[in-house]
């Protein structure tokens, strides 16, 4: 029987911000045995806890879904604020004009 390849250690440099939020909300999820097996395999490969993995991916998906929104509901005050910002005269930004005048990295 062939020997299993040994895992390669992966080192990650994490920056500690000094701020730790207290986790007080709890999620309960139900998964099929197949789904659980897939998750357990990725957890073994990444070294993450189930909580870290699920929360990280749920937040990434939520942020992407929010960024893709095309309809925004605004109350009257927020609508008036938005209209005021949109009605302001344009301001020339020389740095932006210079950046946009240069060919993009894809065009070089």
PDB file of N, CA and C in Angstrom:
ATOM      1  N   UNK A   1       0.843  -1.179   0.000  1.00  0.00           N
ATOM      2  CA  UNK A   1       0.000   0.000   0.000  1.00  0.00           C
ATOM      3  C   UNK A   1       0.887   1.240   0.000  1.00  0.00           C
ATOM      4  N   UNK A   2       0.565   2.195  -0.885  1.00  0.00           N
ATOM      5  CA  UNK A   2       1.383   3.399  -1.012  1.00  0.00           C
ATOM      6  C   UNK A   2       1.175   4.301   0.201  1.00  0.00           C
ATOM      7  N   UNK A   3       2.246   4.933   0.588  1.00  0.00           N
ATOM      8  CA  UNK A   3       2.176   5.850   1.728  1.00  0.00           C
ATOM      9  C   UNK A   3       1.508   7.155   1.296  1.00  0.00           C
ATOM     10  N   UNK A   4       0.636   7.658   2.143  1.00  0.00           N
ATOM     11  CA  UNK A   4      -0.038   8.927   1.831  1.00  0.00           C
ATOM     12  C   UNK A   4       0.978  10.052   1.827  1.00  0.00           C
ATOM     13  N   UNK A   5       0.839  10.998   0.897  1.00  0.00           N
ATOM     14  CA  UNK A   5       1.753  12.134   0.902  1.00  0.00           C
ATOM     15  C   UNK A   5       1.575  12.946   2.181  1.00  0.00           C
ATOM     16  N   UNK A   6       2.667  13.475   2.661  1.00  0.00           N
ATOM     17  CA  UNK A   6       2.611  14.266   3.890  1.00  0.00           C
ATOM     18  C   UNK A   6       2.102  15.668   3.570  1.00  0.00           C
ATOM     19  N   UNK A   7       1.311  16.237   4.465  1.00  0.00           N
ATOM     20  CA  UNK A   7       0.825  17.586   4.218  1.00  0.00           C
ATOM     21  C   UNK A   7       1.971  18.589   4.210  1.00  0.00           C
ATOM     22  N   UNK A   8       1.821  19.585   3.365  1.00  0.00           N
ATOM     23  CA  UNK A   8       2.820  20.640   3.291  1.00  0.00           C
ATOM     24  C   UNK A   8       2.384  21.747   4.249  1.00  0.00           C
ATOM     25  N   UNK A   9       3.264  22.157   5.163  1.00  0.00           N
ATOM     26  CA  UNK A   9       2.855  23.228   6.080  1.00  0.00           C
ATOM     27  C   UNK A   9       2.695  24.544   5.319  1.00  0.00           C
ATOM     28  N   UNK A  10       1.650  25.262   5.656  1.00  0.00           N
ATOM     29  CA  UNK A  10       1.385  26.558   5.043  1.00  0.00           C
ATOM     30  C   UNK A  10       1.380  27.585   6.163  1.00  0.00           C
ATOM     31  N   UNK A  11       2.136  28.631   5.986  1.00  0.00           N
ATOM     32  CA  UNK A  11       2.212  29.669   6.995  1.00  0.00           C
ATOM     33  C   UNK A  11       1.492  30.909   6.491  1.00  0.00           C
ATOM     34  N   UNK A  12       0.672  31.477   7.332  1.00  0.00           N
ATOM     35  CA  UNK A  12      -0.109  32.647   6.966  1.00  0.00           C
ATOM     36  C   UNK A  12       0.241  33.763   7.924  1.00  0.00           C
ATOM     37  N   UNK A  13       0.476  34.944   7.376  1.00  0.00           N
ATOM     38  CA  UNK A  13       0.770  36.097   8.194  1.00  0.00           C
ATOM     39  C   UNK A  13      -0.534  36.849   8.438  1.00  0.00           C
ATOM     40  N   UNK A  14      -1.025  36.825   9.658  1.00  0.00           N
ATOM     41  CA  UNK A  14      -2.253  37.522  10.000  1.00  0.00           C
ATOM     42  C   UNK A  14      -1.914  38.769  10.797  1.00  0.00           C
ATOM     43  N   UNK A  15      -2.577  39.846  10.499  1.00  0.00           N
ATOM     44  CA  UNK A  15      -2.359  41.088  11.218  1.00  0.00           C
ATOM     45  C   UNK A  15      -3.364  41.185  12.340  1.00  0.00           C
ATOM     46  N   UNK A  16      -2.877  41.393  13.538  1.00  0.00           N
ATOM     47  CA  UNK A  16      -3.749  41.544  14.698  1.00  0.00           C
ATOM     48  C   UNK A  16      -4.092  43.013  14.851  1.00  0.00           C
ATOM     49  N   UNK A  17      -5.365  43.333  14.821  1.00  0.00           N
ATOM     50  CA  UNK A  17      -5.778  44.731  14.871  1.00  0.00           C
ATOM     51  C   UNK A  17      -5.944  45.237  16.293  1.00  0.00           C
ATOM     52  N   UNK A  18      -5.970  44.356  17.261  1.00  0.00           N
ATOM     53  CA  UNK A  18      -6.161  44.785  18.635  1.00  0.00           C
ATOM     54  C   UNK A  18      -7.631  44.866  19.020  1.00  0.00           C
ATOM     55  N   UNK A  19      -8.524  44.729  18.062  1.00  0.00           N
ATOM     56  CA  UNK A  19      -9.951  44.798  18.337  1.00  0.00           C
ATOM     57  C   UNK A  19     -10.546  43.415  18.142  1.00  0.00           C
ATOM     58  N   UNK A  20     -11.163  42.898  19.171  1.00  0.00           N
ATOM     59  CA  UNK A  20     -11.793  41.584  19.086  1.00  0.00           C
ATOM     60  C   UNK A  20     -13.260  41.758  19.431  1.00  0.00           C
ATOM     61  N   UNK A  21     -14.119  41.437  18.468  1.00  0.00           N
ATOM     62  CA  UNK A  21     -15.552  41.523  18.717  1.00  0.00           C
ATOM     63  C   UNK A  21     -16.017  40.286  19.455  1.00  0.00           C
ATOM     64  N   UNK A  22     -16.911  40.480  20.384  1.00  0.00           N
ATOM     65  CA  UNK A  22     -17.486  39.356  21.113  1.00  0.00           C
ATOM     66  C   UNK A  22     -18.524  38.691  20.234  1.00  0.00           C
ATOM     67  N   UNK A  23     -18.399  37.398  20.091  1.00  0.00           N
ATOM     68  CA  UNK A  23     -19.356  36.647  19.281  1.00  0.00           C
ATOM     69  C   UNK A  23     -20.488  36.192  20.197  1.00  0.00           C
ATOM     70  N   UNK A  24     -21.676  36.694  19.909  1.00  0.00           N
ATOM     71  CA  UNK A  24     -22.796  36.351  20.778  1.00  0.00           C
ATOM     72  C   UNK A  24     -23.950  35.683  20.028  1.00  0.00           C
ATOM     73  N   UNK A  25     -23.994  35.810  18.712  1.00  0.00           N
ATOM     74  CA  UNK A  25     -25.067  35.179  17.938  1.00  0.00           C
ATOM     75  C   UNK A  25     -24.667  33.740  17.613  1.00  0.00           C
ATOM     76  N   UNK A  26     -25.662  32.879  17.537  1.00  0.00           N
ATOM     77  CA  UNK A  26     -25.396  31.469  17.248  1.00  0.00           C
ATOM     78  C   UNK A  26     -26.236  31.035  16.060  1.00  0.00           C
ATOM     79  N   UNK A  27     -25.605  30.306  15.139  1.00  0.00           N
ATOM     80  CA  UNK A  27     -26.298  29.755  13.983  1.00  0.00           C
ATOM     81  C   UNK A  27     -26.383  28.248  14.152  1.00  0.00           C
ATOM     82  N   UNK A  28     -27.487  27.673  13.735  1.00  0.00           N
ATOM     83  CA  UNK A  28     -27.633  26.225  13.702  1.00  0.00           C
ATOM     84  C   UNK A  28     -27.953  25.857  12.263  1.00  0.00           C
ATOM     85  N   UNK A  29     -27.119  25.022  11.668  1.00  0.00           N
ATOM     86  CA  UNK A  29     -27.294  24.647  10.270  1.00  0.00           C
ATOM     87  C   UNK A  29     -27.471  23.143  10.159  1.00  0.00           C
ATOM     88  N   UNK A  30     -28.297  22.731   9.229  1.00  0.00           N
ATOM     89  CA  UNK A  30     -28.469  21.303   8.946  1.00  0.00           C
ATOM     90  C   UNK A  30     -27.860  21.018   7.579  1.00  0.00           C
ATOM     91  N   UNK A  31     -27.090  19.964   7.496  1.00  0.00           N
ATOM     92  CA  UNK A  31     -26.458  19.570   6.237  1.00  0.00           C
ATOM     93  C   UNK A  31     -26.628  18.071   6.044  1.00  0.00           C
ATOM     94  N   UNK A  32     -26.514  17.657   4.784  1.00  0.00           N
ATOM     95  CA  UNK A  32     -26.569  16.231   4.486  1.00  0.00           C
ATOM     96  C   UNK A  32     -25.222  15.614   4.837  1.00  0.00           C
ATOM     97  N   UNK A  33     -25.153  14.306   4.973  1.00  0.00           N
ATOM     98  CA  UNK A  33     -23.857  13.671   5.227  1.00  0.00           C
ATOM     99  C   UNK A  33     -22.832  13.962   4.125  1.00  0.00           C
ATOM    100  N   UNK A  34     -23.288  14.045   2.866  1.00  0.00           N
ATOM    101  CA  UNK A  34     -22.364  14.368   1.771  1.00  0.00           C
ATOM    102  C   UNK A  34     -21.804  15.781   1.930  1.00  0.00           C
ATOM    103  N   UNK A  35     -22.682  16.727   2.238  1.00  0.00           N
ATOM    104  CA  UNK A  35     -22.235  18.101   2.437  1.00  0.00           C
ATOM    105  C   UNK A  35     -21.252  18.185   3.595  1.00  0.00           C
ATOM    106  N   UNK A  36     -21.549  17.469   4.672  1.00  0.00           N
ATOM    107  CA  UNK A  36     -20.664  17.459   5.829  1.00  0.00           C
ATOM    108  C   UNK A  36     -19.297  16.885   5.466  1.00  0.00           C
ATOM    109  N   UNK A  37     -19.296  15.822   4.673  1.00  0.00           N
ATOM    110  CA  UNK A  37     -18.028  15.193   4.285  1.00  0.00           C
ATOM    111  C   UNK A  37     -17.166  16.155   3.465  1.00  0.00           C
ATOM    112  N   UNK A  38     -17.802  16.869   2.541  1.00  0.00           N
ATOM    113  CA  UNK A  38     -17.056  17.829   1.720  1.00  0.00           C
ATOM    114  C   UNK A  38     -16.471  18.921   2.609  1.00  0.00           C
ATOM    115  N   UNK A  39     -17.278  19.454   3.503  1.00  0.00           N
ATOM    116  CA  UNK A  39     -16.781  20.497   4.399  1.00  0.00           C
ATOM    117  C   UNK A  39     -15.652  19.987   5.283  1.00  0.00           C
ATOM    118  N   UNK A  40     -15.793  18.792   5.796  1.00  0.00           N
ATOM    119  CA  UNK A  40     -14.734  18.244   6.665  1.00  0.00           C
ATOM    120  C   UNK A  40     -13.428  18.086   5.899  1.00  0.00           C
ATOM    121  N   UNK A  41     -13.523  17.699   4.612  1.00  0.00           N
ATOM    122  CA  UNK A  41     -12.306  17.564   3.801  1.00  0.00           C
ATOM    123  C   UNK A  41     -11.613  18.906   3.620  1.00  0.00           C
ATOM    124  N   UNK A  42     -12.391  19.949   3.333  1.00  0.00           N
ATOM    125  CA  UNK A  42     -11.765  21.260   3.137  1.00  0.00           C
ATOM    126  C   UNK A  42     -11.218  21.794   4.463  1.00  0.00           C
ATOM    127  N   UNK A  43     -11.871  21.499   5.552  1.00  0.00           N
ATOM    128  CA  UNK A  43     -11.364  21.948   6.855  1.00  0.00           C
ATOM    129  C   UNK A  43     -10.041  21.272   7.184  1.00  0.00           C
ATOM    130  N   UNK A  44      -9.953  20.012   6.845  1.00  0.00           N
ATOM    131  CA  UNK A  44      -8.700  19.286   7.060  1.00  0.00           C
ATOM    132  C   UNK A  44      -7.591  19.875   6.189  1.00  0.00           C
ATOM    133  N   UNK A  45      -7.948  20.240   4.962  1.00  0.00           N
ATOM    134  CA  UNK A  45      -6.949  20.780   4.034  1.00  0.00           C
ATOM    135  C   UNK A  45      -6.509  22.189   4.426  1.00  0.00           C
ATOM    136  N   UNK A  46      -7.452  23.004   4.940  1.00  0.00           N
ATOM    137  CA  UNK A  46      -7.120  24.394   5.250  1.00  0.00           C
ATOM    138  C   UNK A  46      -6.692  24.612   6.686  1.00  0.00           C
ATOM    139  N   UNK A  47      -7.064  23.714   7.559  1.00  0.00           N
ATOM    140  CA  UNK A  47      -6.736  23.903   8.972  1.00  0.00           C
ATOM    141  C   UNK A  47      -7.673  24.866   9.682  1.00  0.00           C
ATOM    142  N   UNK A  48      -8.710  25.312   8.991  1.00  0.00           N
ATOM    143  CA  UNK A  48      -9.676  26.224   9.610  1.00  0.00           C
ATOM    144  C   UNK A  48     -10.686  25.434  10.430  1.00  0.00           C
ATOM    145  N   UNK A  49     -11.305  26.131  11.365  1.00  0.00           N
ATOM    146  CA  UNK A  49     -12.417  25.517  12.086  1.00  0.00           C
ATOM    147  C   UNK A  49     -13.668  25.641  11.207  1.00  0.00           C
ATOM    148  N   UNK A  50     -14.659  24.836  11.499  1.00  0.00           N
ATOM    149  CA  UNK A  50     -15.918  24.897  10.761  1.00  0.00           C
ATOM    150  C   UNK A  50     -16.516  26.300  10.888  1.00  0.00           C
ATOM    151  N   UNK A  51     -16.481  26.849  12.086  1.00  0.00           N
ATOM    152  CA  UNK A  51     -17.021  28.187  12.323  1.00  0.00           C
ATOM    153  C   UNK A  51     -16.294  29.229  11.472  1.00  0.00           C
ATOM    154  N   UNK A  52     -14.983  29.217  11.476  1.00  0.00           N
ATOM    155  CA  UNK A  52     -14.205  30.188  10.701  1.00  0.00           C
ATOM    156  C   UNK A  52     -14.537  30.086   9.215  1.00  0.00           C
ATOM    157  N   UNK A  53     -14.566  28.859   8.718  1.00  0.00           N
ATOM    158  CA  UNK A  53     -14.798  28.631   7.291  1.00  0.00           C
ATOM    159  C   UNK A  53     -16.193  29.095   6.873  1.00  0.00           C
ATOM    160  N   UNK A  54     -17.209  28.664   7.611  1.00  0.00           N
ATOM    161  CA  UNK A  54     -18.586  28.994   7.243  1.00  0.00           C
ATOM    162  C   UNK A  54     -18.829  30.492   7.364  1.00  0.00           C
ATOM    163  N   UNK A  55     -18.376  31.104   8.439  1.00  0.00           N
ATOM    164  CA  UNK A  55     -18.601  32.543   8.615  1.00  0.00           C
ATOM    165  C   UNK A  55     -17.863  33.326   7.532  1.00  0.00           C
ATOM    166  N   UNK A  56     -16.619  32.966   7.239  1.00  0.00           N
ATOM    167  CA  UNK A  56     -15.837  33.676   6.221  1.00  0.00           C
ATOM    168  C   UNK A  56     -16.542  33.613   4.862  1.00  0.00           C
ATOM    169  N   UNK A  57     -16.975  32.425   4.474  1.00  0.00           N
ATOM    170  CA  UNK A  57     -17.617  32.273   3.170  1.00  0.00           C
ATOM    171  C   UNK A  57     -19.019  32.883   3.144  1.00  0.00           C
ATOM    172  N   UNK A  58     -19.737  32.811   4.236  1.00  0.00           N
ATOM    173  CA  UNK A  58     -21.067  33.438   4.285  1.00  0.00           C
ATOM    174  C   UNK A  58     -20.930  34.955   4.163  1.00  0.00           C
ATOM    175  N   UNK A  59     -19.942  35.543   4.824  1.00  0.00           N
ATOM    176  CA  UNK A  59     -19.732  36.990   4.725  1.00  0.00           C
ATOM    177  C   UNK A  59     -19.297  37.398   3.327  1.00  0.00           C
ATOM    178  N   UNK A  60     -18.416  36.615   2.711  1.00  0.00           N
ATOM    179  CA  UNK A  60     -17.997  36.932   1.335  1.00  0.00           C
ATOM    180  C   UNK A  60     -19.196  36.903   0.392  1.00  0.00           C
ATOM    181  N   UNK A  61     -20.041  35.901   0.529  1.00  0.00           N
ATOM    182  CA  UNK A  61     -21.222  35.791  -0.331  1.00  0.00           C
ATOM    183  C   UNK A  61     -22.197  36.930  -0.054  1.00  0.00           C
ATOM    184  N   UNK A  62     -22.387  37.281   1.213  1.00  0.00           N
ATOM    185  CA  UNK A  62     -23.301  38.363   1.561  1.00  0.00           C
ATOM    186  C   UNK A  62     -22.794  39.698   1.015  1.00  0.00           C
ATOM    187  N   UNK A  63     -21.492  39.953   1.146  1.00  0.00           N
ATOM    188  CA  UNK A  63     -20.926  41.199   0.623  1.00  0.00           C
ATOM    189  C   UNK A  63     -21.063  41.269  -0.896  1.00  0.00           C
ATOM    190  N   UNK A  64     -20.844  40.153  -1.577  1.00  0.00           N
ATOM    191  CA  UNK A  64     -20.998  40.124  -3.039  1.00  0.00           C
ATOM    192  C   UNK A  64     -22.462  40.349  -3.425  1.00  0.00           C
ATOM    193  N   UNK A  65     -23.389  39.723  -2.709  1.00  0.00           N
ATOM    194  CA  UNK A  65     -24.809  39.903  -2.997  1.00  0.00           C
ATOM    195  C   UNK A  65     -25.224  41.351  -2.775  1.00  0.00           C
ATOM    196  N   UNK A  66     -24.738  41.969  -1.712  1.00  0.00           N
ATOM    197  CA  UNK A  66     -25.068  43.367  -1.449  1.00  0.00           C
ATOM    198  C   UNK A  66     -24.472  44.281  -2.513  1.00  0.00           C
ATOM    199  N   UNK A  67     -23.271  43.980  -2.956  1.00  0.00           N
ATOM    200  CA  UNK A  67     -22.608  44.800  -3.975  1.00  0.00           C
ATOM    201  C   UNK A  67     -23.326  44.688  -5.323  1.00  0.00           C
ATOM    202  N   UNK A  68     -23.988  43.576  -5.573  1.00  0.00           N
ATOM    203  CA  UNK A  68     -24.671  43.351  -6.851  1.00  0.00           C
ATOM    204  C   UNK A  68     -26.104  43.891  -6.866  1.00  0.00           C
ATOM    205  N   UNK A  69     -26.528  44.468  -5.768  1.00  0.00           N
ATOM    206  CA  UNK A  69     -27.902  44.976  -5.725  1.00  0.00           C
ATOM    207  C   UNK A  69     -28.097  46.077  -6.759  1.00  0.00           C
ATOM    208  N   UNK A  70     -29.277  46.093  -7.344  1.00  0.00           N
ATOM    209  CA  UNK A  70     -29.590  47.106  -8.342  1.00  0.00           C
ATOM    210  C   UNK A  70     -30.738  48.004  -7.899  1.00  0.00           C
ATOM    211  N   UNK A  71     -31.436  47.609  -6.856  1.00  0.00           N
ATOM    212  CA  UNK A  71     -32.552  48.390  -6.329  1.00  0.00           C
ATOM    213  C   UNK A  71     -32.272  48.695  -4.869  1.00  0.00           C
ATOM    214  N   UNK A  72     -32.333  49.969  -4.524  1.00  0.00           N
ATOM    215  CA  UNK A  72     -32.075  50.407  -3.159  1.00  0.00           C
ATOM    216  C   UNK A  72     -33.298  51.168  -2.653  1.00  0.00           C
ATOM    217  N   UNK A  73     -33.794  50.792  -1.520  1.00  0.00           N
ATOM    218  CA  UNK A  73     -34.936  51.488  -0.924  1.00  0.00           C
ATOM    219  C   UNK A  73     -34.402  52.567   0.004  1.00  0.00           C
ATOM    220  N   UNK A  74     -34.836  53.811  -0.239  1.00  0.00           N
ATOM    221  CA  UNK A  74     -34.386  54.942   0.565  1.00  0.00           C
ATOM    222  C   UNK A  74     -35.595  55.640   1.173  1.00  0.00           C
ATOM    223  N   UNK A  75     -35.438  56.089   2.412  1.00  0.00           N
ATOM    224  CA  UNK A  75     -36.503  56.913   2.979  1.00  0.00           C
ATOM    225  C   UNK A  75     -36.387  58.320   2.386  1.00  0.00           C
ATOM    226  N   UNK A  76     -37.321  59.182   2.702  1.00  0.00           N
ATOM    227  CA  UNK A  76     -37.351  60.514   2.090  1.00  0.00           C
ATOM    228  C   UNK A  76     -36.083  61.317   2.374  1.00  0.00           C
ATOM    229  N   UNK A  77     -35.587  61.258   3.590  1.00  0.00           N
ATOM    230  CA  UNK A  77     -34.388  62.023   3.951  1.00  0.00           C
ATOM    231  C   UNK A  77     -33.173  61.520   3.178  1.00  0.00           C
ATOM    232  N   UNK A  78     -33.011  60.204   3.081  1.00  0.00           N
ATOM    233  CA  UNK A  78     -31.875  59.639   2.341  1.00  0.00           C
ATOM    234  C   UNK A  78     -31.990  59.961   0.860  1.00  0.00           C
ATOM    235  N   UNK A  79     -33.227  59.955   0.311  1.00  0.00           N
ATOM    236  CA  UNK A  79     -33.440  60.298  -1.092  1.00  0.00           C
ATOM    237  C   UNK A  79     -33.033  61.750  -1.348  1.00  0.00           C
ATOM    238  N   UNK A  80     -33.429  62.648  -0.454  1.00  0.00           N
ATOM    239  CA  UNK A  80     -33.072  64.060  -0.599  1.00  0.00           C
ATOM    240  C   UNK A  80     -31.558  64.241  -0.533  1.00  0.00           C
ATOM    241  N   UNK A  81     -30.895  63.513   0.381  1.00  0.00           N
ATOM    242  CA  UNK A  81     -29.427  63.586   0.475  1.00  0.00           C
ATOM    243  C   UNK A  81     -28.776  63.097  -0.819  1.00  0.00           C
ATOM    244  N   UNK A  82     -29.278  62.010  -1.361  1.00  0.00           N
ATOM    245  CA  UNK A  82     -28.733  61.473  -2.610  1.00  0.00           C
ATOM    246  C   UNK A  82     -28.915  62.471  -3.751  1.00  0.00           C
ATOM    247  N   UNK A  83     -30.089  63.057  -3.845  1.00  0.00           N
ATOM    248  CA  UNK A  83     -30.348  64.032  -4.905  1.00  0.00           C
ATOM    249  C   UNK A  83     -29.426  65.242  -4.781  1.00  0.00           C
ATOM    250  N   UNK A  84     -29.169  65.674  -3.546  1.00  0.00           N
ATOM    251  CA  UNK A  84     -28.267  66.817  -3.335  1.00  0.00           C
ATOM    252  C   UNK A  84     -26.859  66.487  -3.811  1.00  0.00           C
ATOM    253  N   UNK A  85     -26.407  65.281  -3.528  1.00  0.00           N
ATOM    254  CA  UNK A  85     -25.065  64.868  -3.971  1.00  0.00           C
ATOM    255  C   UNK A  85     -25.018  64.785  -5.492  1.00  0.00           C
ATOM    256  N   UNK A  86     -26.036  64.222  -6.101  1.00  0.00           N
ATOM    257  CA  UNK A  86     -26.060  64.079  -7.561  1.00  0.00           C
ATOM    258  C   UNK A  86     -26.202  65.423  -8.279  1.00  0.00           C
ATOM    259  N   UNK A  87     -26.825  66.389  -7.634  1.00  0.00           N
ATOM    260  CA  UNK A  87     -27.031  67.704  -8.242  1.00  0.00           C
ATOM    261  C   UNK A  87     -25.832  68.640  -8.101  1.00  0.00           C
ATOM    262  N   UNK A  88     -24.838  68.250  -7.295  1.00  0.00           N
ATOM    263  CA  UNK A  88     -23.656  69.107  -7.142  1.00  0.00           C
ATOM    264  C   UNK A  88     -22.917  69.191  -8.464  1.00  0.00           C
ATOM    265  N   UNK A  89     -22.277  70.331  -8.722  1.00  0.00           N
ATOM    266  CA  UNK A  89     -21.480  70.419  -9.954  1.00  0.00           C
ATOM    267  C   UNK A  89     -20.288  69.469  -9.891  1.00  0.00           C
ATOM    268  N   UNK A  90     -19.908  68.997 -11.059  1.00  0.00           N
ATOM    269  CA  UNK A  90     -18.765  68.078 -11.142  1.00  0.00           C
ATOM    270  C   UNK A  90     -17.486  68.807 -10.744  1.00  0.00           C
ATOM    271  N   UNK A  91     -16.583  68.082 -10.119  1.00  0.00           N
ATOM    272  CA  UNK A  91     -15.285  68.633  -9.719  1.00  0.00           C
ATOM    273  C   UNK A  91     -14.212  67.914 -10.526  1.00  0.00           C
ATOM    274  N   UNK A  92     -13.380  68.693 -11.196  1.00  0.00           N
ATOM    275  CA  UNK A  92     -12.292  68.104 -11.983  1.00  0.00           C
ATOM    276  C   UNK A  92     -11.237  67.560 -11.037  1.00  0.00           C
ATOM    277  N   UNK A  93     -10.825  66.346 -11.302  1.00  0.00           N
ATOM    278  CA  UNK A  93      -9.790  65.695 -10.497  1.00  0.00           C
ATOM    279  C   UNK A  93      -8.634  65.358 -11.426  1.00  0.00           C
ATOM    280  N   UNK A  94      -7.573  66.182 -11.422  1.00  0.00           N
ATOM    281  CA  UNK A  94      -6.462  65.982 -12.357  1.00  0.00           C
ATOM    282  C   UNK A  94      -5.806  64.609 -12.230  1.00  0.00           C
ATOM    283  N   UNK A  95      -5.703  64.089 -11.000  1.00  0.00           N
ATOM    284  CA  UNK A  95      -5.068  62.775 -10.820  1.00  0.00           C
ATOM    285  C   UNK A  95      -5.877  61.685 -11.511  1.00  0.00           C
ATOM    286  N   UNK A  96      -7.203  61.793 -11.416  1.00  0.00           N
ATOM    287  CA  UNK A  96      -8.073  60.808 -12.051  1.00  0.00           C
ATOM    288  C   UNK A  96      -7.993  60.928 -13.576  1.00  0.00           C
ATOM    289  N   UNK A  97      -7.974  62.158 -14.080  1.00  0.00           N
ATOM    290  CA  UNK A  97      -7.865  62.370 -15.531  1.00  0.00           C
ATOM    291  C   UNK A  97      -6.554  61.779 -16.049  1.00  0.00           C
ATOM    292  N   UNK A  98      -5.473  61.966 -15.296  1.00  0.00           N
ATOM    293  CA  UNK A  98      -4.172  61.423 -15.706  1.00  0.00           C
ATOM    294  C   UNK A  98      -4.210  59.890 -15.709  1.00  0.00           C
ATOM    295  N   UNK A  99      -4.788  59.326 -14.672  1.00  0.00           N
ATOM    296  CA  UNK A  99      -4.880  57.869 -14.575  1.00  0.00           C
ATOM    297  C   UNK A  99      -5.688  57.288 -15.730  1.00  0.00           C
ATOM    298  N   UNK A 100      -6.804  57.911 -16.055  1.00  0.00           N
ATOM    299  CA  UNK A 100      -7.668  57.396 -17.120  1.00  0.00           C
ATOM    300  C   UNK A 100      -7.083  57.633 -18.504  1.00  0.00           C
ATOM    301  N   UNK A 101      -6.151  58.561 -18.622  1.00  0.00           N
ATOM    302  CA  UNK A 101      -5.524  58.831 -19.921  1.00  0.00           C
ATOM    303  C   UNK A 101      -4.456  57.795 -20.255  1.00  0.00           C
ATOM    304  N   UNK A 102      -3.946  57.116 -19.254  1.00  0.00           N
ATOM    305  CA  UNK A 102      -2.915  56.104 -19.481  1.00  0.00           C
ATOM    306  C   UNK A 102      -3.555  54.789 -19.888  1.00  0.00           C
ATOM    307  N   UNK A 103      -2.875  53.998 -20.730  1.00  0.00           N
ATOM    308  CA  UNK A 103      -3.437  52.696 -21.095  1.00  0.00           C
ATOM    309  C   UNK A 103      -3.485  51.766 -19.853  1.00  0.00           C
ATOM    310  N   UNK A 104      -4.524  50.981 -19.786  1.00  0.00           N
ATOM    311  CA  UNK A 104      -4.633  50.063 -18.652  1.00  0.00           C
ATOM    312  C   UNK A 104      -3.582  48.975 -18.782  1.00  0.00           C
ATOM    313  N   UNK A 105      -3.405  48.235 -17.731  1.00  0.00           N
ATOM    314  CA  UNK A 105      -2.427  47.153 -17.733  1.00  0.00           C
ATOM    315  C   UNK A 105      -2.800  46.091 -18.777  1.00  0.00           C
ATOM    316  N   UNK A 106      -4.083  45.982 -19.092  1.00  0.00           N
ATOM    317  CA  UNK A 106      -4.540  45.014 -20.080  1.00  0.00           C
ATOM    318  C   UNK A 106      -4.265  45.482 -21.515  1.00  0.00           C
ATOM    319  N   UNK A 107      -4.067  46.784 -21.688  1.00  0.00           N
ATOM    320  CA  UNK A 107      -3.839  47.338 -23.007  1.00  0.00           C
ATOM    321  C   UNK A 107      -2.346  47.462 -23.338  1.00  0.00           C
ATOM    322  N   UNK A 108      -1.501  47.257 -22.371  1.00  0.00           N
ATOM    323  CA  UNK A 108      -0.050  47.407 -22.605  1.00  0.00           C
ATOM    324  C   UNK A 108       0.526  46.201 -23.306  1.00  0.00           C
TER     325      UNK A 108
END
